[in-house]
């Protein structure tokens, strides 16, 4: 999270005389945003990564390539922007505007290195696509280069890439919702059990289980306050395994009146479970904390939103089991 923010600040504070255009014309506005879009779209744009959406079949040139050759490549490939690379490193970009100027001023035979744009606005492949949507809205360009953590060019992303992928994913979500809805009788959940495997330090997929649990309860028309408690409990338990354990599994068991969530990891265990139920208790190392995680184990939150809570721990692993009542009036006060 901090890495993305830092990179975003660097990208938006570039000083240049002319704006760098990856595509010359203004882009057609993406009909979605990170604020007012439907919940299913919002979940997708924060869950999907840029690497899930971007084009990886790259067409590039080198700094020695002439602008004439680049013009021919653009015509053949029907593109209006060409990344200039040195090995796997992005060093510049030639746009259609650059080619038009070269034709007008008579230097079309000169090399790309003398006329390419060097200060570029880029994205990183592990960013959520919400970053890309905000970039498109902010800069009004058609496409952006995408780098990996080693600063190598690995793709290009366009507004068309985003909308096409979202259409496919929304279709999958609708099909899954229809499948799950068929299993619900009269709005009441039948006996169902789902298992989610959680890996240590897998921040990329962290939150998947809690998202699926939330969607399942929504499809069964469970009341929103109950869904919120289930989402909090499952997310905190899931993150605990990512941050504090060697990995494990989270099991969601849906009954007609009750949801049971069981989180079981493979160690190293919690030395003092009573202390772990106090706010701020953490076993996270310095590296995890530097990423913005691990300030606390979140078990107090889990206990406060659950109807029953049970924890056991040993060096071989920790098991937390909670239940949340899905039907009837809520008589117990739960901390938000």
Protein backbone atom coordinates (compact mmCIF):
# COMPACT_ATOMS: atom_id res chain seq x y z
CA UNK A 1 0.00 0.00 0.00
CA UNK A 2 2.73 2.45 0.97
CA UNK A 3 4.77 1.46 -2.07
CA UNK A 4 1.88 2.24 -4.42
CA UNK A 5 1.25 5.59 -2.79
CA UNK A 6 4.91 6.53 -3.01
CA UNK A 7 5.06 5.56 -6.65
CA UNK A 8 1.89 7.46 -7.46
CA UNK A 9 3.36 10.62 -5.93
CA UNK A 10 6.50 10.22 -7.99
CA UNK A 11 4.53 9.72 -11.17
CA UNK A 12 2.32 12.75 -10.78
CA UNK A 13 5.08 15.21 -9.86
CA UNK A 14 7.13 14.84 -13.03
CA UNK A 15 8.30 18.15 -14.43
CA UNK A 16 8.11 18.51 -18.20
CA UNK A 17 7.42 21.22 -20.75
CA UNK A 18 4.83 19.24 -22.69
CA UNK A 19 2.45 16.51 -21.46
CA UNK A 20 3.53 13.02 -22.46
CA UNK A 21 0.86 11.39 -24.59
CA UNK A 22 0.80 7.62 -24.84
CA UNK A 23 -2.16 8.09 -27.18
CA UNK A 24 -2.70 11.39 -28.92
CA UNK A 25 -6.47 11.78 -28.78
CA UNK A 26 -8.44 12.13 -25.59
CA UNK A 27 -9.72 8.80 -24.39
CA UNK A 28 -13.38 7.90 -24.34
CA UNK A 29 -14.37 8.02 -20.69
CA UNK A 30 -14.59 4.67 -18.95
CA UNK A 31 -18.23 4.34 -17.80
CA UNK A 32 -17.14 3.27 -14.31
CA UNK A 33 -15.39 4.86 -11.37
CA UNK A 34 -14.11 3.97 -7.92
CA UNK A 35 -16.87 5.81 -6.04
CA UNK A 36 -20.35 5.48 -7.54
CA UNK A 37 -20.15 2.19 -9.46
CA UNK A 38 -22.29 -0.76 -8.40
CA UNK A 39 -20.95 -2.91 -5.54
CA UNK A 40 -20.13 -5.84 -7.81
CA UNK A 41 -18.02 -3.55 -10.01
CA UNK A 42 -16.31 -1.93 -7.01
CA UNK A 43 -15.35 -5.34 -5.64
CA UNK A 44 -13.84 -6.29 -8.99
CA UNK A 45 -11.84 -3.10 -9.54
CA UNK A 46 -10.25 -3.41 -6.11
CA UNK A 47 -9.69 -7.17 -6.37
CA UNK A 48 -8.29 -7.40 -9.90
CA UNK A 49 -4.69 -6.40 -10.49
CA UNK A 50 -3.34 -4.50 -13.48
CA UNK A 51 -1.42 -7.63 -14.47
CA UNK A 52 -4.78 -9.43 -14.80
CA UNK A 53 -5.94 -6.85 -17.34
CA UNK A 54 -2.94 -5.50 -19.25
CA UNK A 55 -1.77 -6.48 -22.74
CA UNK A 56 1.51 -8.41 -22.58
CA UNK A 57 2.04 -8.86 -26.32
CA UNK A 58 4.24 -5.81 -26.56
CA UNK A 59 5.38 -3.99 -29.70
CA UNK A 60 8.49 -1.94 -28.96
CA UNK A 61 11.42 -0.18 -30.59
CA UNK A 62 14.95 0.77 -29.52
CA UNK A 63 16.56 4.17 -29.23
CA UNK A 64 18.42 3.45 -32.50
CA UNK A 65 15.16 2.91 -34.42
CA UNK A 66 14.41 5.80 -36.78
CA UNK A 67 11.18 7.74 -36.56
CA UNK A 68 10.46 6.60 -40.14
CA UNK A 69 10.63 2.96 -39.04
CA UNK A 70 8.42 3.73 -36.05
CA UNK A 71 5.90 5.39 -38.35
CA UNK A 72 5.77 2.21 -40.44
CA UNK A 73 5.33 0.04 -37.33
CA UNK A 74 2.47 2.24 -36.15
CA UNK A 75 0.78 1.98 -39.53
CA UNK A 76 1.19 -1.80 -39.73
CA UNK A 77 0.09 -2.49 -36.15
CA UNK A 78 -2.59 0.22 -36.08
CA UNK A 79 -1.23 1.81 -32.91
CA UNK A 80 -0.47 5.42 -32.04
CA UNK A 81 2.20 5.06 -29.39
CA UNK A 82 5.38 2.95 -29.26
CA UNK A 83 7.48 2.24 -26.14
CA UNK A 84 11.24 2.62 -26.56
CA UNK A 85 13.20 0.04 -24.60
CA UNK A 86 16.75 -0.91 -23.73
CA UNK A 87 16.55 -4.61 -23.01
CA UNK A 88 13.56 -4.86 -20.68
CA UNK A 89 13.88 -1.29 -19.44
CA UNK A 90 11.46 1.41 -20.61
CA UNK A 91 13.49 4.48 -21.54
CA UNK A 92 11.00 6.53 -23.54
CA UNK A 93 7.99 6.67 -25.79
CA UNK A 94 7.24 7.94 -29.29
CA UNK A 95 3.68 9.07 -29.92
CA UNK A 96 1.83 9.88 -33.12
CA UNK A 97 2.27 13.56 -32.27
CA UNK A 98 6.04 13.04 -32.33
CA UNK A 99 5.78 11.43 -35.78
CA UNK A 100 3.59 14.25 -37.12
CA UNK A 101 6.07 16.85 -35.86
CA UNK A 102 8.97 14.90 -37.41
CA UNK A 103 7.21 14.89 -40.78
CA UNK A 104 6.38 18.59 -40.57
CA UNK A 105 9.89 19.64 -39.52
CA UNK A 106 11.83 17.23 -41.71
CA UNK A 107 13.63 15.00 -39.23
CA UNK A 108 11.63 11.80 -39.80
CA UNK A 109 14.88 9.89 -40.62
CA UNK A 110 16.44 10.70 -37.24
CA UNK A 111 16.67 8.24 -34.36
CA UNK A 112 14.07 7.82 -31.61
CA UNK A 113 16.57 8.68 -28.87
CA UNK A 114 16.72 12.29 -30.06
CA UNK A 115 12.98 12.96 -30.01
CA UNK A 116 11.26 10.45 -27.70
CA UNK A 117 9.44 11.50 -24.54
CA UNK A 118 11.49 10.48 -21.49
CA UNK A 119 9.38 11.58 -18.52
CA UNK A 120 6.59 9.04 -18.54
CA UNK A 121 3.59 8.34 -16.36
CA UNK A 122 3.56 4.62 -15.64
CA UNK A 123 1.67 2.02 -13.62
CA UNK A 124 2.91 -1.09 -11.80
CA UNK A 125 1.57 -4.55 -12.51
CA UNK A 126 0.62 -5.38 -8.90
CA UNK A 127 -1.54 -2.27 -8.44
CA UNK A 128 -5.33 -2.79 -8.32
CA UNK A 129 -7.03 -1.68 -11.53
CA UNK A 130 -8.66 1.07 -9.46
CA UNK A 131 -5.31 2.90 -9.82
CA UNK A 132 -5.50 2.60 -13.61
CA UNK A 133 -9.07 3.89 -13.68
CA UNK A 134 -8.05 6.91 -11.61
CA UNK A 135 -5.05 7.51 -13.90
CA UNK A 136 -7.27 7.44 -17.00
CA UNK A 137 -9.66 9.87 -15.36
CA UNK A 138 -6.85 12.18 -14.23
CA UNK A 139 -4.70 12.29 -17.38
CA UNK A 140 -7.24 11.48 -20.12
CA UNK A 141 -4.77 9.30 -22.03
CA UNK A 142 -5.64 6.11 -23.90
CA UNK A 143 -2.94 3.84 -22.49
CA UNK A 144 -0.12 3.61 -19.95
CA UNK A 145 3.06 1.52 -19.83
CA UNK A 146 3.15 -1.07 -17.03
CA UNK A 147 6.32 -2.02 -15.11
CA UNK A 148 6.98 -4.87 -12.68
CA UNK A 149 8.71 -4.61 -9.31
CA UNK A 150 12.09 -4.76 -11.07
CA UNK A 151 11.14 -1.71 -13.18
CA UNK A 152 10.95 -3.81 -16.35
CA UNK A 153 8.34 -3.11 -19.02
CA UNK A 154 5.87 -5.99 -18.87
CA UNK A 155 2.73 -4.62 -20.48
CA UNK A 156 0.50 -1.81 -21.68
CA UNK A 157 -2.97 -1.09 -20.36
CA UNK A 158 -5.83 0.65 -22.16
CA UNK A 159 -9.33 1.64 -21.15
CA UNK A 160 -10.54 -1.06 -23.54
CA UNK A 161 -8.52 -3.69 -21.64
CA UNK A 162 -10.28 -2.68 -18.43
CA UNK A 163 -13.83 -2.63 -19.78
CA UNK A 164 -13.38 -5.92 -21.66
CA UNK A 165 -12.01 -7.71 -18.59
CA UNK A 166 -14.71 -6.27 -16.33
CA UNK A 167 -17.42 -7.47 -18.71
CA UNK A 168 -15.99 -10.99 -18.60
CA UNK A 169 -15.62 -10.95 -14.81
CA UNK A 170 -19.09 -9.47 -14.24
CA UNK A 171 -20.54 -12.22 -16.42
CA UNK A 172 -18.75 -14.79 -14.25
CA UNK A 173 -20.06 -13.12 -11.11
CA UNK A 174 -23.61 -13.20 -12.46
CA UNK A 175 -23.28 -16.89 -13.38
CA UNK A 176 -21.90 -17.69 -9.93
CA UNK A 177 -24.66 -15.70 -8.26
CA UNK A 178 -27.28 -17.55 -10.28
CA UNK A 179 -25.70 -20.88 -9.37
CA UNK A 180 -25.67 -20.02 -5.69
CA UNK A 181 -29.17 -18.57 -5.75
CA UNK A 182 -30.48 -21.87 -7.08
CA UNK A 183 -29.18 -23.48 -3.88
CA UNK A 184 -31.17 -21.12 -1.67
CA UNK A 185 -34.73 -22.08 -0.78
CA UNK A 186 -36.99 -19.28 0.36
CA UNK A 187 -34.00 -17.07 1.16
CA UNK A 188 -32.69 -19.58 3.75
CA UNK A 189 -29.24 -21.10 3.40
CA UNK A 190 -28.99 -24.86 3.09
CA UNK A 191 -26.10 -26.78 4.63
CA UNK A 192 -23.02 -25.64 2.70
CA UNK A 193 -19.32 -25.73 3.45
CA UNK A 194 -16.59 -23.79 1.70
CA UNK A 195 -12.85 -24.08 2.39
CA UNK A 196 -10.32 -21.35 1.58
CA UNK A 197 -6.59 -22.01 1.81
CA UNK A 198 -4.53 -19.11 3.14
CA UNK A 199 -0.81 -18.70 2.50
CA UNK A 200 1.72 -16.83 4.63
CA UNK A 201 2.40 -13.27 3.46
CA UNK A 202 0.01 -13.67 0.50
CA UNK A 203 -1.19 -10.08 0.62
CA UNK A 204 -2.17 -10.21 -3.05
CA UNK A 205 -5.03 -12.64 -2.34
CA UNK A 206 -5.76 -11.54 1.22
CA UNK A 207 -9.45 -10.75 1.62
CA UNK A 208 -10.67 -13.27 -0.96
CA UNK A 209 -12.35 -15.56 1.58
CA UNK A 210 -14.13 -12.73 3.39
CA UNK A 211 -15.31 -11.32 0.05
CA UNK A 212 -16.74 -14.70 -0.95
CA UNK A 213 -18.49 -15.09 2.41
CA UNK A 214 -19.99 -11.63 2.08
CA UNK A 215 -21.24 -12.38 -1.44
CA UNK A 216 -22.75 -15.71 -0.32
CA UNK A 217 -24.69 -14.06 2.47
CA UNK A 218 -25.89 -11.30 0.16
CA UNK A 219 -27.18 -13.88 -2.30
CA UNK A 220 -29.21 -15.43 0.52
CA UNK A 221 -30.79 -12.04 1.38
CA UNK A 222 -29.23 -11.94 4.85
CA UNK A 223 -29.62 -8.60 6.60
CA UNK A 224 -26.83 -6.08 6.00
CA UNK A 225 -25.74 -5.67 9.69
CA UNK A 226 -25.27 -9.45 9.97
CA UNK A 227 -23.31 -9.57 6.73
CA UNK A 228 -21.10 -6.77 8.02
CA UNK A 229 -20.28 -8.71 11.21
CA UNK A 230 -19.49 -11.84 9.22
CA UNK A 231 -17.26 -9.87 6.86
CA UNK A 232 -15.33 -8.29 9.75
CA UNK A 233 -14.81 -11.62 11.54
CA UNK A 234 -13.72 -13.51 8.43
CA UNK A 235 -11.42 -10.73 7.21
CA UNK A 236 -9.64 -10.37 10.55
CA UNK A 237 -9.15 -14.16 10.83
CA UNK A 238 -7.93 -14.35 7.24
CA UNK A 239 -5.43 -11.51 7.72
CA UNK A 240 -4.17 -13.08 10.94
CA UNK A 241 -3.14 -16.19 9.02
CA UNK A 242 -1.50 -14.10 6.29
CA UNK A 243 0.43 -11.90 8.72
CA UNK A 244 1.06 -13.98 11.86
CA UNK A 245 1.06 -17.67 10.84
CA UNK A 246 2.73 -20.15 8.51
CA UNK A 247 -0.55 -20.38 6.61
CA UNK A 248 -3.68 -22.45 7.04
CA UNK A 249 -7.29 -22.66 6.00
CA UNK A 250 -10.55 -20.88 6.71
CA UNK A 251 -13.78 -22.89 6.61
CA UNK A 252 -17.18 -21.23 6.26
CA UNK A 253 -20.11 -23.49 7.16
CA UNK A 254 -23.55 -22.14 6.36
CA UNK A 255 -26.57 -23.46 8.20
CA UNK A 256 -30.19 -22.41 8.04
CA UNK A 257 -29.81 -20.17 11.08
CA UNK A 258 -26.10 -19.88 11.76
CA UNK A 259 -22.75 -19.25 10.07
CA UNK A 260 -19.73 -20.99 11.57
CA UNK A 261 -16.26 -19.74 10.63
CA UNK A 262 -13.24 -21.82 11.60
CA UNK A 263 -9.70 -20.55 11.03
CA UNK A 264 -6.93 -23.12 11.54
CA UNK A 265 -3.26 -22.39 10.93
CA UNK A 266 -0.10 -24.49 11.11
CA UNK A 267 1.80 -22.46 13.67
CA UNK A 268 3.79 -21.00 15.27
CA UNK A 269 0.96 -20.53 17.77
CA UNK A 270 0.09 -17.74 20.19
CA UNK A 271 2.05 -17.80 23.43
CA UNK A 272 -0.58 -15.92 25.45
CA UNK A 273 -4.12 -16.11 24.05
CA UNK A 274 -5.45 -13.84 26.80
CA UNK A 275 -3.00 -11.11 25.78
CA UNK A 276 -3.91 -11.68 22.13
CA UNK A 277 -7.47 -10.65 22.97
CA UNK A 278 -6.22 -7.22 24.04
CA UNK A 279 -6.13 -4.40 21.50
CA UNK A 280 -2.68 -3.80 20.01
CA UNK A 281 -1.21 -7.24 20.68
CA UNK A 282 0.85 -8.39 17.70
CA UNK A 283 3.44 -10.98 16.68
CA UNK A 284 4.19 -9.31 13.33
CA UNK A 285 7.81 -8.65 12.44
CA UNK A 286 9.35 -5.34 11.42
CA UNK A 287 9.01 -6.07 7.68
CA UNK A 288 5.26 -6.73 7.97
CA UNK A 289 4.78 -3.58 10.03
CA UNK A 290 6.71 -1.55 7.45
CA UNK A 291 4.08 -2.60 4.90
CA UNK A 292 1.33 -1.16 7.08
CA UNK A 293 0.06 -4.49 8.46
CA UNK A 294 0.28 -6.27 11.79
CA UNK A 295 -0.48 -3.40 14.17
CA UNK A 296 -2.71 -5.85 16.07
CA UNK A 297 -4.08 -9.35 15.66
CA UNK A 298 -7.66 -8.19 15.37
CA UNK A 299 -8.98 -10.92 17.67
CA UNK A 300 -10.81 -8.40 19.88
CA UNK A 301 -12.71 -7.27 16.77
CA UNK A 302 -13.54 -10.87 15.87
CA UNK A 303 -14.85 -11.59 19.35
CA UNK A 304 -16.91 -8.40 19.51
CA UNK A 305 -18.83 -9.13 16.29
CA UNK A 306 -19.39 -12.85 16.95
CA UNK A 307 -22.18 -14.58 18.86
CA UNK A 308 -19.77 -17.25 20.09
CA UNK A 309 -15.97 -17.21 20.10
CA UNK A 310 -13.49 -19.97 20.95
CA UNK A 311 -9.71 -20.07 20.57
CA UNK A 312 -7.09 -22.75 21.21
CA UNK A 313 -3.39 -22.47 20.45
CA UNK A 314 -0.16 -24.44 20.66
CA UNK A 315 3.18 -24.30 18.83
CA UNK A 316 1.62 -26.56 16.19
CA UNK A 317 -1.08 -24.05 15.35
CA UNK A 318 -4.03 -21.93 16.38
CA UNK A 319 -7.72 -22.60 15.82
CA UNK A 320 -10.39 -19.93 16.19
CA UNK A 321 -14.06 -20.85 15.81
CA UNK A 322 -16.81 -18.26 15.76
CA UNK A 323 -20.52 -18.37 15.05
CA UNK A 324 -22.84 -15.66 13.80
CA UNK A 325 -26.61 -16.03 13.97
CA UNK A 326 -28.21 -15.38 10.59
CA UNK A 327 -31.90 -15.27 11.49
CA UNK A 328 -34.11 -13.62 14.08
CA UNK A 329 -33.81 -10.32 15.90
CA UNK A 330 -30.37 -9.33 17.15
CA UNK A 331 -30.67 -8.81 20.90
CA UNK A 332 -26.97 -8.62 21.61
CA UNK A 333 -25.09 -5.35 21.16
CA UNK A 334 -22.05 -5.72 18.93
CA UNK A 335 -19.18 -3.27 18.76
CA UNK A 336 -18.77 -1.68 15.35
